[in-house]
């Protein structure tokens, strides 16, 4: 669905980069999300002290809570990989959230964006497995019965590859669906404030989809840390 007004696209039109902006709006809005995260990160860390300022306090609660939740699932071994999981969650949540604002586009409503999040998680899962188990990590793909190893290897490779599709298409489909529903409601009944309840529901969807992506990524990392059975 084409957005009638996208502020950053219009801005890029003014500086002569309109062709790029119209073809790749999800890219420029991803840049906006990265800028937002960098700015808030600088605000939280510019004056770190024992007595935290308000930005530091917010980030300590959010990041600390996420870290404790992650360690509860993965064990202490997962603490090393928590920065990756936290980055993915915050990036996806902000991407989802800006789509609720008029004139802004959620980058996660484009399959390229969700794939760019899913593929690094997929690669990192196996990097963690090799780092933890070395060559023995291959046992997770061959199963306990040696004469079934070729079949198990094919099935496991298909299953692991499907994780990329599961992560990316689930997020893309839900965010695109939200955009379509909100767009239709604003077009049909925007003057009567009918879309407002959907905006509240949209905020819940933004959080849930980011959390599901983060939780599934955490589970994949945890499975890579476990010994093969």
C-alpha atoms as a PDB file:
ATOM      1  CA  UNK A   1       0.000   0.000   0.000  1.00  0.00           C
ATOM      2  CA  UNK A   2       1.360   3.392  -0.996  1.00  0.00           C
ATOM      3  CA  UNK A   3       1.489   5.997   1.758  1.00  0.00           C
ATOM      4  CA  UNK A   4       0.037   9.335   0.557  1.00  0.00           C
ATOM      5  CA  UNK A   5       2.571  11.441   2.473  1.00  0.00           C
ATOM      6  CA  UNK A   6       5.986  10.353   3.693  1.00  0.00           C
ATOM      7  CA  UNK A   7       7.941  13.219   5.218  1.00  0.00           C
ATOM      8  CA  UNK A   8      11.422  11.820   4.638  1.00  0.00           C
ATOM      9  CA  UNK A   9      10.609  10.955   1.028  1.00  0.00           C
ATOM     10  CA  UNK A  10       9.518  14.541   0.442  1.00  0.00           C
ATOM     11  CA  UNK A  11      12.687  15.790   2.123  1.00  0.00           C
ATOM     12  CA  UNK A  12      14.810  13.609  -0.153  1.00  0.00           C
ATOM     13  CA  UNK A  13      12.848  15.006  -3.113  1.00  0.00           C
ATOM     14  CA  UNK A  14      13.974  18.497  -2.133  1.00  0.00           C
ATOM     15  CA  UNK A  15      17.665  17.532  -2.058  1.00  0.00           C
ATOM     16  CA  UNK A  16      17.541  15.693  -5.374  1.00  0.00           C
ATOM     17  CA  UNK A  17      17.416  12.118  -4.070  1.00  0.00           C
ATOM     18  CA  UNK A  18      13.713  11.568  -4.622  1.00  0.00           C
ATOM     19  CA  UNK A  19      14.170   8.642  -7.019  1.00  0.00           C
ATOM     20  CA  UNK A  20      16.109   6.670  -4.399  1.00  0.00           C
ATOM     21  CA  UNK A  21      13.634   7.622  -1.646  1.00  0.00           C
ATOM     22  CA  UNK A  22      10.586   6.554  -3.659  1.00  0.00           C
ATOM     23  CA  UNK A  23      12.135   3.185  -4.529  1.00  0.00           C
ATOM     24  CA  UNK A  24      13.634   2.443  -1.094  1.00  0.00           C
ATOM     25  CA  UNK A  25      11.597   4.270   1.576  1.00  0.00           C
ATOM     26  CA  UNK A  26      12.226   1.434   4.048  1.00  0.00           C
ATOM     27  CA  UNK A  27      15.967   2.159   3.804  1.00  0.00           C
ATOM     28  CA  UNK A  28      15.725   5.838   4.677  1.00  0.00           C
ATOM     29  CA  UNK A  29      13.327   5.105   7.532  1.00  0.00           C
ATOM     30  CA  UNK A  30      15.757   2.478   8.804  1.00  0.00           C
ATOM     31  CA  UNK A  31      18.370   5.255   8.859  1.00  0.00           C
ATOM     32  CA  UNK A  32      15.945   7.337  10.911  1.00  0.00           C
ATOM     33  CA  UNK A  33      15.488   4.486  13.405  1.00  0.00           C
ATOM     34  CA  UNK A  34      19.257   4.047  13.724  1.00  0.00           C
ATOM     35  CA  UNK A  35      19.636   7.792  14.326  1.00  0.00           C
ATOM     36  CA  UNK A  36      16.933   7.685  17.027  1.00  0.00           C
ATOM     37  CA  UNK A  37      18.649   4.787  18.803  1.00  0.00           C
ATOM     38  CA  UNK A  38      22.055   6.491  18.608  1.00  0.00           C
ATOM     39  CA  UNK A  39      20.679   9.756  20.023  1.00  0.00           C
ATOM     40  CA  UNK A  40      18.897   8.031  22.907  1.00  0.00           C
ATOM     41  CA  UNK A  41      21.979   5.916  23.569  1.00  0.00           C
ATOM     42  CA  UNK A  42      24.127   9.054  23.783  1.00  0.00           C
ATOM     43  CA  UNK A  43      21.615  10.711  26.106  1.00  0.00           C
ATOM     44  CA  UNK A  44      21.716   7.672  28.390  1.00  0.00           C
ATOM     45  CA  UNK A  45      25.512   7.326  28.465  1.00  0.00           C
ATOM     46  CA  UNK A  46      26.866  10.868  28.246  1.00  0.00           C
ATOM     47  CA  UNK A  47      26.972  11.294  32.022  1.00  0.00           C
ATOM     48  CA  UNK A  48      26.929   7.827  33.585  1.00  0.00           C
ATOM     49  CA  UNK A  49      27.099   8.007  37.353  1.00  0.00           C
ATOM     50  CA  UNK A  50      26.202   6.073  40.489  1.00  0.00           C
ATOM     51  CA  UNK A  51      23.191   8.364  40.827  1.00  0.00           C
ATOM     52  CA  UNK A  52      21.638   7.942  37.365  1.00  0.00           C
ATOM     53  CA  UNK A  53      19.942  10.707  35.409  1.00  0.00           C
ATOM     54  CA  UNK A  54      16.467  10.130  33.981  1.00  0.00           C
ATOM     55  CA  UNK A  55      17.685   8.746  30.646  1.00  0.00           C
ATOM     56  CA  UNK A  56      20.165   6.444  32.337  1.00  0.00           C
ATOM     57  CA  UNK A  57      17.449   5.247  34.717  1.00  0.00           C
ATOM     58  CA  UNK A  58      15.088   4.382  31.850  1.00  0.00           C
ATOM     59  CA  UNK A  59      17.749   2.461  29.962  1.00  0.00           C
ATOM     60  CA  UNK A  60      18.931   0.636  33.085  1.00  0.00           C
ATOM     61  CA  UNK A  61      15.381  -0.563  33.771  1.00  0.00           C
ATOM     62  CA  UNK A  62      14.753  -1.622  30.159  1.00  0.00           C
ATOM     63  CA  UNK A  63      18.141  -3.175  29.424  1.00  0.00           C
ATOM     64  CA  UNK A  64      18.532  -4.662  32.905  1.00  0.00           C
ATOM     65  CA  UNK A  65      15.110  -6.290  32.743  1.00  0.00           C
ATOM     66  CA  UNK A  66      15.796  -7.707  29.288  1.00  0.00           C
ATOM     67  CA  UNK A  67      19.181  -9.041  30.378  1.00  0.00           C
ATOM     68  CA  UNK A  68      17.719 -10.786  33.428  1.00  0.00           C
ATOM     69  CA  UNK A  69      14.975 -12.294  31.273  1.00  0.00           C
ATOM     70  CA  UNK A  70      17.518 -13.515  28.724  1.00  0.00           C
ATOM     71  CA  UNK A  71      19.799 -15.058  31.357  1.00  0.00           C
ATOM     72  CA  UNK A  72      16.800 -16.840  32.893  1.00  0.00           C
ATOM     73  CA  UNK A  73      16.255 -18.568  29.542  1.00  0.00           C
ATOM     74  CA  UNK A  74      19.813 -19.141  28.334  1.00  0.00           C
ATOM     75  CA  UNK A  75      21.751 -19.337  31.583  1.00  0.00           C
ATOM     76  CA  UNK A  76      24.887 -17.333  32.290  1.00  0.00           C
ATOM     77  CA  UNK A  77      26.388 -18.389  28.948  1.00  0.00           C
ATOM     78  CA  UNK A  78      23.815 -16.253  27.166  1.00  0.00           C
ATOM     79  CA  UNK A  79      25.022 -13.044  28.793  1.00  0.00           C
ATOM     80  CA  UNK A  80      27.784 -12.781  26.176  1.00  0.00           C
ATOM     81  CA  UNK A  81      25.237 -12.663  23.377  1.00  0.00           C
ATOM     82  CA  UNK A  82      22.694 -10.413  25.059  1.00  0.00           C
ATOM     83  CA  UNK A  83      23.887  -7.217  23.251  1.00  0.00           C
ATOM     84  CA  UNK A  84      22.893  -8.781  19.919  1.00  0.00           C
ATOM     85  CA  UNK A  85      19.443  -9.728  21.198  1.00  0.00           C
ATOM     86  CA  UNK A  86      18.859  -6.334  22.825  1.00  0.00           C
ATOM     87  CA  UNK A  87      19.926  -4.500  19.668  1.00  0.00           C
ATOM     88  CA  UNK A  88      17.569  -6.555  17.520  1.00  0.00           C
ATOM     89  CA  UNK A  89      14.652  -5.994  19.908  1.00  0.00           C
ATOM     90  CA  UNK A  90      15.148  -2.238  20.226  1.00  0.00           C
ATOM     91  CA  UNK A  91      15.662  -1.775  16.495  1.00  0.00           C
ATOM     92  CA  UNK A  92      12.543  -3.760  15.571  1.00  0.00           C
ATOM     93  CA  UNK A  93      10.406  -2.117  18.250  1.00  0.00           C
ATOM     94  CA  UNK A  94      11.328   1.414  17.145  1.00  0.00           C
ATOM     95  CA  UNK A  95      10.842   0.417  13.488  1.00  0.00           C
ATOM     96  CA  UNK A  96       7.373  -0.856  14.344  1.00  0.00           C
ATOM     97  CA  UNK A  97       6.514   2.109  16.550  1.00  0.00           C
ATOM     98  CA  UNK A  98       7.293   4.914  14.093  1.00  0.00           C
ATOM     99  CA  UNK A  99       4.690   3.438  11.740  1.00  0.00           C
ATOM    100  CA  UNK A 100       1.994   4.662  14.137  1.00  0.00           C
ATOM    101  CA  UNK A 101       2.975   8.282  13.460  1.00  0.00           C
ATOM    102  CA  UNK A 102       1.482  10.103  10.460  1.00  0.00           C
ATOM    103  CA  UNK A 103       3.964  10.585   7.652  1.00  0.00           C
ATOM    104  CA  UNK A 104       6.309   7.842   8.847  1.00  0.00           C
ATOM    105  CA  UNK A 105       6.738   4.348   7.468  1.00  0.00           C
ATOM    106  CA  UNK A 106       7.653   1.270   9.550  1.00  0.00           C
ATOM    107  CA  UNK A 107      10.699  -0.294   7.842  1.00  0.00           C
ATOM    108  CA  UNK A 108       9.552  -3.693   9.128  1.00  0.00           C
ATOM    109  CA  UNK A 109       6.567  -3.532   6.747  1.00  0.00           C
ATOM    110  CA  UNK A 110       9.105  -4.410   4.046  1.00  0.00           C
ATOM    111  CA  UNK A 111      10.374  -7.984   3.707  1.00  0.00           C
ATOM    112  CA  UNK A 112      13.925  -6.791   2.961  1.00  0.00           C
ATOM    113  CA  UNK A 113      14.149  -5.197   6.416  1.00  0.00           C
ATOM    114  CA  UNK A 114      12.866  -8.233   8.264  1.00  0.00           C
ATOM    115  CA  UNK A 115      15.210 -10.499   6.304  1.00  0.00           C
ATOM    116  CA  UNK A 116      18.118  -8.225   7.223  1.00  0.00           C
ATOM    117  CA  UNK A 117      17.279  -8.921  10.882  1.00  0.00           C
ATOM    118  CA  UNK A 118      16.578 -12.644  10.493  1.00  0.00           C
ATOM    119  CA  UNK A 119      19.701 -13.580   8.514  1.00  0.00           C
ATOM    120  CA  UNK A 120      22.222 -12.242  11.100  1.00  0.00           C
ATOM    121  CA  UNK A 121      20.321 -14.089  13.850  1.00  0.00           C
ATOM    122  CA  UNK A 122      20.483 -17.287  11.764  1.00  0.00           C
ATOM    123  CA  UNK A 123      24.227 -16.879  11.149  1.00  0.00           C
ATOM    124  CA  UNK A 124      24.945 -15.952  14.764  1.00  0.00           C
ATOM    125  CA  UNK A 125      23.060 -19.024  15.989  1.00  0.00           C
ATOM    126  CA  UNK A 126      25.537 -21.307  14.260  1.00  0.00           C
ATOM    127  CA  UNK A 127      28.521 -19.146  15.194  1.00  0.00           C
ATOM    128  CA  UNK A 128      27.480 -19.595  18.832  1.00  0.00           C
ATOM    129  CA  UNK A 129      27.110 -23.334  18.318  1.00  0.00           C
ATOM    130  CA  UNK A 130      30.588 -23.672  16.832  1.00  0.00           C
ATOM    131  CA  UNK A 131      32.126 -21.394  19.482  1.00  0.00           C
ATOM    132  CA  UNK A 132      30.531 -23.461  22.262  1.00  0.00           C
ATOM    133  CA  UNK A 133      30.932 -27.016  20.967  1.00  0.00           C
ATOM    134  CA  UNK A 134      33.545 -26.811  18.237  1.00  0.00           C
ATOM    135  CA  UNK A 135      33.357 -29.573  15.614  1.00  0.00           C
ATOM    136  CA  UNK A 136      30.959 -31.548  17.832  1.00  0.00           C
ATOM    137  CA  UNK A 137      28.254 -29.002  16.941  1.00  0.00           C
ATOM    138  CA  UNK A 138      27.587 -31.080  13.819  1.00  0.00           C
ATOM    139  CA  UNK A 139      26.011 -33.705  16.093  1.00  0.00           C
ATOM    140  CA  UNK A 140      22.994 -31.402  16.461  1.00  0.00           C
ATOM    141  CA  UNK A 141      22.316 -32.014  12.766  1.00  0.00           C
ATOM    142  CA  UNK A 142      23.022 -35.742  12.500  1.00  0.00           C
ATOM    143  CA  UNK A 143      21.029 -37.146  15.407  1.00  0.00           C
ATOM    144  CA  UNK A 144      21.941 -40.012  17.786  1.00  0.00           C
ATOM    145  CA  UNK A 145      21.526 -42.890  15.275  1.00  0.00           C
ATOM    146  CA  UNK A 146      24.414 -43.042  12.814  1.00  0.00           C
ATOM    147  CA  UNK A 147      22.578 -44.810   9.976  1.00  0.00           C
ATOM    148  CA  UNK A 148      19.872 -42.115  10.027  1.00  0.00           C
ATOM    149  CA  UNK A 149      22.432 -39.310   9.904  1.00  0.00           C
ATOM    150  CA  UNK A 150      21.998 -38.429   6.196  1.00  0.00           C
ATOM    151  CA  UNK A 151      18.221 -38.126   6.558  1.00  0.00           C
ATOM    152  CA  UNK A 152      18.491 -36.198   9.835  1.00  0.00           C
ATOM    153  CA  UNK A 153      21.044 -33.849   8.289  1.00  0.00           C
ATOM    154  CA  UNK A 154      18.684 -32.941   5.437  1.00  0.00           C
ATOM    155  CA  UNK A 155      15.726 -32.484   7.794  1.00  0.00           C
ATOM    156  CA  UNK A 156      17.736 -30.358  10.219  1.00  0.00           C
ATOM    157  CA  UNK A 157      19.091 -28.157   7.435  1.00  0.00           C
ATOM    158  CA  UNK A 158      15.561 -27.576   6.157  1.00  0.00           C
ATOM    159  CA  UNK A 159      14.328 -26.849   9.680  1.00  0.00           C
ATOM    160  CA  UNK A 160      17.125 -24.399  10.434  1.00  0.00           C
ATOM    161  CA  UNK A 161      16.686 -22.635   7.093  1.00  0.00           C
ATOM    162  CA  UNK A 162      12.948 -22.302   7.796  1.00  0.00           C
ATOM    163  CA  UNK A 163      13.805 -20.230  10.852  1.00  0.00           C
ATOM    164  CA  UNK A 164      14.814 -17.363   8.582  1.00  0.00           C
ATOM    165  CA  UNK A 165      11.444 -17.466   6.828  1.00  0.00           C
ATOM    166  CA  UNK A 166       9.614 -17.843  10.129  1.00  0.00           C
ATOM    167  CA  UNK A 167      11.280 -14.798  11.681  1.00  0.00           C
ATOM    168  CA  UNK A 168      11.095 -12.549   8.634  1.00  0.00           C
ATOM    169  CA  UNK A 169       7.667 -13.385   7.176  1.00  0.00           C
ATOM    170  CA  UNK A 170       5.884 -13.359  10.547  1.00  0.00           C
ATOM    171  CA  UNK A 171       7.151  -9.866  11.348  1.00  0.00           C
ATOM    172  CA  UNK A 172       6.625  -8.550   7.814  1.00  0.00           C
ATOM    173  CA  UNK A 173       3.105  -9.970   7.543  1.00  0.00           C
ATOM    174  CA  UNK A 174       1.909  -8.574  10.852  1.00  0.00           C
ATOM    175  CA  UNK A 175       3.335  -5.101  10.263  1.00  0.00           C
ATOM    176  CA  UNK A 176       2.078  -4.918   6.686  1.00  0.00           C
ATOM    177  CA  UNK A 177      -1.339  -6.089   7.863  1.00  0.00           C
ATOM    178  CA  UNK A 178      -1.417  -3.376  10.514  1.00  0.00           C
ATOM    179  CA  UNK A 179      -0.504  -0.762   7.908  1.00  0.00           C
ATOM    180  CA  UNK A 180      -3.267  -1.931   5.570  1.00  0.00           C
ATOM    181  CA  UNK A 181      -5.920  -1.952   8.291  1.00  0.00           C
ATOM    182  CA  UNK A 182      -4.965   1.503   9.585  1.00  0.00           C
ATOM    183  CA  UNK A 183      -4.790   2.898   6.059  1.00  0.00           C
ATOM    184  CA  UNK A 184      -8.259   1.604   5.203  1.00  0.00           C
ATOM    185  CA  UNK A 185      -9.748   2.913   8.459  1.00  0.00           C
ATOM    186  CA  UNK A 186      -8.236   6.367   8.017  1.00  0.00           C
ATOM    187  CA  UNK A 187      -9.492   6.495   4.438  1.00  0.00           C
ATOM    188  CA  UNK A 188     -13.038   5.406   5.324  1.00  0.00           C
ATOM    189  CA  UNK A 189     -13.614   6.934   8.756  1.00  0.00           C
ATOM    190  CA  UNK A 190     -10.648   9.110   9.655  1.00  0.00           C
ATOM    191  CA  UNK A 191     -12.812  12.169  10.259  1.00  0.00           C
ATOM    192  CA  UNK A 192     -14.764  10.313  12.959  1.00  0.00           C
ATOM    193  CA  UNK A 193     -11.684   9.146  14.907  1.00  0.00           C
ATOM    194  CA  UNK A 194     -12.590   5.502  14.238  1.00  0.00           C
ATOM    195  CA  UNK A 195      -8.926   4.503  13.747  1.00  0.00           C
ATOM    196  CA  UNK A 196      -7.919   5.624  17.253  1.00  0.00           C
ATOM    197  CA  UNK A 197      -8.730   2.276  18.937  1.00  0.00           C
ATOM    198  CA  UNK A 198      -6.715   0.575  16.207  1.00  0.00           C
ATOM    199  CA  UNK A 199      -3.758   2.830  17.003  1.00  0.00           C
ATOM    200  CA  UNK A 200      -3.839   1.610  20.602  1.00  0.00           C
ATOM    201  CA  UNK A 201      -4.024  -1.972  19.366  1.00  0.00           C
ATOM    202  CA  UNK A 202      -1.238  -1.156  16.896  1.00  0.00           C
ATOM    203  CA  UNK A 203       1.038  -0.130  19.763  1.00  0.00           C
ATOM    204  CA  UNK A 204       0.432  -3.516  21.381  1.00  0.00           C
ATOM    205  CA  UNK A 205       1.176  -5.244  18.070  1.00  0.00           C
ATOM    206  CA  UNK A 206       4.438  -3.272  17.741  1.00  0.00           C
ATOM    207  CA  UNK A 207       5.659  -4.516  21.111  1.00  0.00           C
ATOM    208  CA  UNK A 208       4.428  -8.089  20.712  1.00  0.00           C
ATOM    209  CA  UNK A 209       6.044  -8.558  17.300  1.00  0.00           C
ATOM    210  CA  UNK A 210       9.378  -7.180  18.505  1.00  0.00           C
ATOM    211  CA  UNK A 211       9.178  -9.374  21.601  1.00  0.00           C
ATOM    212  CA  UNK A 212       8.318 -12.509  19.594  1.00  0.00           C
ATOM    213  CA  UNK A 213      11.303 -11.933  17.308  1.00  0.00           C
ATOM    214  CA  UNK A 214      13.548 -11.397  20.326  1.00  0.00           C
ATOM    215  CA  UNK A 215      12.158 -14.445  22.163  1.00  0.00           C
ATOM    216  CA  UNK A 216      12.544 -16.763  19.168  1.00  0.00           C
ATOM    217  CA  UNK A 217      16.092 -15.504  18.618  1.00  0.00           C
ATOM    218  CA  UNK A 218      16.855 -16.184  22.276  1.00  0.00           C
ATOM    219  CA  UNK A 219      15.484 -19.712  21.968  1.00  0.00           C
ATOM    220  CA  UNK A 220      17.577 -20.382  18.866  1.00  0.00           C
ATOM    221  CA  UNK A 221      20.707 -19.186  20.689  1.00  0.00           C
ATOM    222  CA  UNK A 222      19.799 -21.385  23.656  1.00  0.00           C
ATOM    223  CA  UNK A 223      19.402 -24.458  21.454  1.00  0.00           C
ATOM    224  CA  UNK A 224      22.813 -23.777  19.928  1.00  0.00           C
ATOM    225  CA  UNK A 225      24.334 -23.641  23.429  1.00  0.00           C
ATOM    226  CA  UNK A 226      22.883 -27.012  24.450  1.00  0.00           C
ATOM    227  CA  UNK A 227      24.647 -30.323  23.983  1.00  0.00           C
ATOM    228  CA  UNK A 228      23.338 -32.527  21.191  1.00  0.00           C
ATOM    229  CA  UNK A 229      21.052 -35.366  22.297  1.00  0.00           C
END
